[in-house]
Amino acid sequence: MASFLTDEALIKQYLPEQPNQCFETLYNRYVNKVYRHCLSMTKDEESAHDYTHDIFIKMFKKLDTFHERSSFSTWLYSIAYNYCSDQLRLAKRLNFSPLDDEYDTPSSESYEAQAKEQSLQLLNQVMEQLPEKEQKILKLKYEQGLRIDEIAQLYNISESSVKMRLKRSREKVHQLCAYYHSL
């Protein structure tokens, strides 16, 4: 049965003759992971559902271009990451914000929650000052939870290069945070 095959074997065996079976099996294997990835990037359930749907359509249209240069999950992840990034960049360029946000009344938050929110805002501010490549590698590791070997495969670089880039990027973040705290 298709559910016991590796992703790569499934694609080779089922895509040419039974594309719907191939898509359905891959969809069932990865829909929750792709959704969680989209949700972590968008912070919005509705957008995450929409993006997940769009990503799987895009994946299926491109499935015949998958040539096993990386694992299927890494290939799908790169499609998902790039799609979400593009959508978020487009929304930012259009300066889109839901109307509900403008009319929310502030709730009484505890001091701890306010401090955590301020720290997150500072971190976001610092992250925006990093070059895009450094932002991406930090987000892949710490927001998306990718392992070092997965990031290395995604960028086609050695694991030691990934570790060094992460180290340097973290150091920049710490320096910038320290600078802002001193103001």
Protein backbone atom coordinates (compact mmCIF):
# COMPACT_ATOMS: atom_id res chain seq x y z
CA MET A 1 0.00 0.00 0.00
CA ALA A 2 1.10 3.57 -0.68
CA SER A 3 1.15 4.53 2.99
CA PHE A 4 4.17 2.25 3.68
CA LEU A 5 6.39 3.63 0.92
CA THR A 6 8.92 6.40 1.39
CA ASP A 7 7.88 9.73 -0.12
CA GLU A 8 10.34 9.31 -2.97
CA ALA A 9 9.24 5.74 -3.76
CA LEU A 10 5.60 6.80 -3.58
CA ILE A 11 6.16 9.58 -6.11
CA LYS A 12 8.04 7.29 -8.50
CA GLN A 13 5.48 4.53 -8.28
CA TYR A 14 2.16 6.39 -8.10
CA LEU A 15 2.58 9.78 -9.76
CA PRO A 16 2.65 8.53 -13.38
CA GLU A 17 -0.32 6.13 -13.13
CA GLN A 18 -2.27 7.16 -10.01
CA PRO A 19 -1.60 10.86 -9.38
CA ASN A 20 -4.64 11.30 -7.12
CA GLN A 21 -3.49 8.46 -4.83
CA CYS A 22 -0.01 9.98 -4.76
CA PHE A 23 -1.32 13.45 -3.88
CA GLU A 24 -3.74 12.15 -1.25
CA THR A 25 -1.05 10.12 0.52
CA LEU A 26 1.46 13.00 0.52
CA TYR A 27 -1.26 15.41 1.64
CA ASN A 28 -2.22 13.17 4.56
CA ARG A 29 1.42 12.78 5.60
CA TYR A 30 2.27 16.48 5.56
CA VAL A 31 -0.87 18.62 5.89
CA ASN A 32 -0.50 19.11 9.66
CA LYS A 33 3.21 19.96 9.43
CA VAL A 34 2.65 22.44 6.60
CA TYR A 35 -0.26 24.00 8.46
CA ARG A 36 1.81 24.40 11.66
CA HIS A 37 4.61 25.92 9.61
CA CYS A 38 2.21 28.40 7.98
CA LEU A 39 0.65 29.23 11.34
CA SER A 40 4.05 29.90 12.89
CA MET A 41 4.85 32.33 10.09
CA THR A 42 1.46 34.06 9.76
CA LYS A 43 0.21 33.89 13.37
CA ASP A 44 -3.28 33.69 11.83
CA GLU A 45 -5.30 30.46 11.63
CA GLU A 46 -7.39 31.50 8.61
CA SER A 47 -4.36 32.57 6.59
CA ALA A 48 -2.52 29.41 7.62
CA HIS A 49 -5.40 27.25 6.32
CA ASP A 50 -5.53 29.19 3.05
CA TYR A 51 -1.77 29.07 2.57
CA THR A 52 -1.67 25.34 3.34
CA HIS A 53 -4.27 24.71 0.65
CA ASP A 54 -2.37 26.88 -1.85
CA ILE A 55 0.95 25.21 -1.02
CA PHE A 56 -0.40 21.73 -1.69
CA ILE A 57 -1.86 22.84 -5.01
CA LYS A 58 1.49 24.38 -5.91
CA MET A 59 3.31 21.24 -4.74
CA PHE A 60 1.12 18.98 -6.85
CA LYS A 61 1.61 21.13 -9.95
CA LYS A 62 5.38 20.98 -9.44
CA LEU A 63 5.61 17.36 -8.30
CA ASP A 64 6.97 16.22 -11.65
CA THR A 65 9.93 18.61 -11.13
CA PHE A 66 10.95 16.89 -7.88
CA HIS A 67 14.24 15.18 -8.73
CA GLU A 68 15.36 13.99 -5.28
CA ARG A 69 18.18 16.52 -4.93
CA SER A 70 16.88 16.75 -1.37
CA SER A 71 14.31 14.78 0.60
CA PHE A 72 10.69 15.34 -0.34
CA SER A 73 9.95 16.90 3.05
CA THR A 74 12.77 19.45 2.60
CA TRP A 75 11.55 20.21 -0.93
CA LEU A 76 7.97 20.69 0.30
CA TYR A 77 9.21 22.77 3.22
CA SER A 78 11.08 25.12 0.87
CA ILE A 79 7.90 25.56 -1.21
CA ALA A 80 5.92 26.31 1.97
CA TYR A 81 8.52 28.68 3.38
CA ASN A 82 8.91 30.60 0.12
CA TYR A 83 5.15 30.80 -0.42
CA CYS A 84 4.47 32.12 3.09
CA SER A 85 7.37 34.56 2.86
CA ASP A 86 6.09 35.88 -0.47
CA GLN A 87 2.56 36.29 0.88
CA LEU A 88 3.76 38.06 4.02
CA ARG A 89 6.02 40.36 1.99
CA LEU A 90 3.12 41.17 -0.32
CA ALA A 91 0.81 41.91 2.62
CA LYS A 92 3.47 44.10 4.21
CA ARG A 93 4.00 45.97 0.92
CA LEU A 94 0.28 46.56 0.64
CA ASN A 95 0.22 47.54 4.33
CA PHE A 96 -2.71 45.23 4.95
CA SER A 97 -4.02 44.88 8.47
CA PRO A 98 -7.35 43.40 9.51
CA LEU A 99 -9.94 45.95 10.62
CA ASP A 100 -10.58 44.05 13.84
CA ASP A 101 -7.07 44.89 15.11
CA GLU A 102 -7.73 48.62 14.90
CA TYR A 103 -10.78 48.46 17.15
CA ASP A 104 -9.59 46.04 19.82
CA THR A 105 -9.71 47.51 23.28
CA PRO A 106 -6.63 46.87 25.38
CA SER A 107 -7.15 44.25 28.06
CA SER A 108 -5.54 44.38 31.48
CA GLU A 109 -2.45 42.23 31.11
CA SER A 110 -0.18 41.21 33.92
CA TYR A 111 3.23 42.81 34.27
CA GLU A 112 4.86 39.53 33.18
CA ALA A 113 2.82 39.36 30.00
CA GLN A 114 3.67 42.98 29.19
CA ALA A 115 7.37 42.34 29.77
CA LYS A 116 7.24 39.28 27.52
CA GLU A 117 5.48 41.29 24.82
CA GLN A 118 8.09 44.05 25.06
CA SER A 119 10.87 41.47 24.74
CA LEU A 120 9.21 39.98 21.67
CA GLN A 121 8.83 43.42 20.13
CA LEU A 122 12.50 44.14 20.78
CA LEU A 123 13.48 40.82 19.26
CA ASN A 124 11.36 41.51 16.17
CA GLN A 125 12.89 44.97 15.87
CA VAL A 126 16.39 43.51 16.13
CA MET A 127 15.61 40.72 13.65
CA GLU A 128 14.41 43.26 11.08
CA GLN A 129 17.83 44.91 11.22
CA LEU A 130 19.63 41.70 10.28
CA PRO A 131 20.27 40.88 6.63
CA GLU A 132 17.50 38.70 5.15
CA LYS A 133 19.77 35.63 4.89
CA GLU A 134 20.57 35.82 8.60
CA GLN A 135 16.89 36.28 9.49
CA LYS A 136 15.93 33.23 7.43
CA ILE A 137 18.51 30.91 8.94
CA LEU A 138 17.56 31.93 12.49
CA LYS A 139 13.85 31.48 11.74
CA LEU A 140 14.44 28.09 10.14
CA LYS A 141 16.27 26.91 13.26
CA TYR A 142 14.32 28.56 16.06
CA GLU A 143 10.80 29.21 14.72
CA GLN A 144 10.44 26.27 12.37
CA GLY A 145 12.56 23.83 14.39
CA LEU A 146 14.62 22.53 11.49
CA ARG A 147 17.70 20.51 12.38
CA ILE A 148 21.18 21.64 11.33
CA ASP A 149 21.38 18.91 8.66
CA GLU A 150 18.03 19.96 7.19
CA ILE A 151 19.12 23.60 6.94
CA ALA A 152 22.42 22.51 5.39
CA GLN A 153 20.53 20.48 2.79
CA LEU A 154 18.12 23.33 2.11
CA TYR A 155 20.97 25.79 1.46
CA ASN A 156 23.31 23.19 -0.06
CA ILE A 157 26.09 24.02 2.44
CA SER A 158 27.96 22.03 5.09
CA GLU A 159 26.59 21.55 8.58
CA SER A 160 29.58 23.41 10.03
CA SER A 161 28.73 26.39 7.79
CA VAL A 162 25.18 26.36 9.15
CA LYS A 163 26.47 26.24 12.73
CA MET A 164 28.84 29.15 12.09
CA ARG A 165 26.13 31.26 10.42
CA LEU A 166 23.76 30.58 13.31
CA LYS A 167 26.46 31.48 15.85
CA ARG A 168 27.30 34.76 14.12
CA SER A 169 23.64 35.68 13.68
CA ARG A 170 22.87 34.95 17.35
CA GLU A 171 25.83 37.09 18.40
CA LYS A 172 24.49 39.99 16.31
CA VAL A 173 21.06 39.61 17.89
CA HIS A 174 22.56 39.62 21.40
CA GLN A 175 24.68 42.70 20.61
CA LEU A 176 21.72 44.60 19.18
CA CYS A 177 19.48 43.63 22.11
CA ALA A 178 22.13 44.78 24.56
CA TYR A 179 22.45 48.05 22.66
CA TYR A 180 18.70 48.71 22.76
CA HIS A 181 18.49 47.82 26.46
CA SER A 182 21.22 50.36 27.18
CA LEU A 183 19.20 53.19 25.57
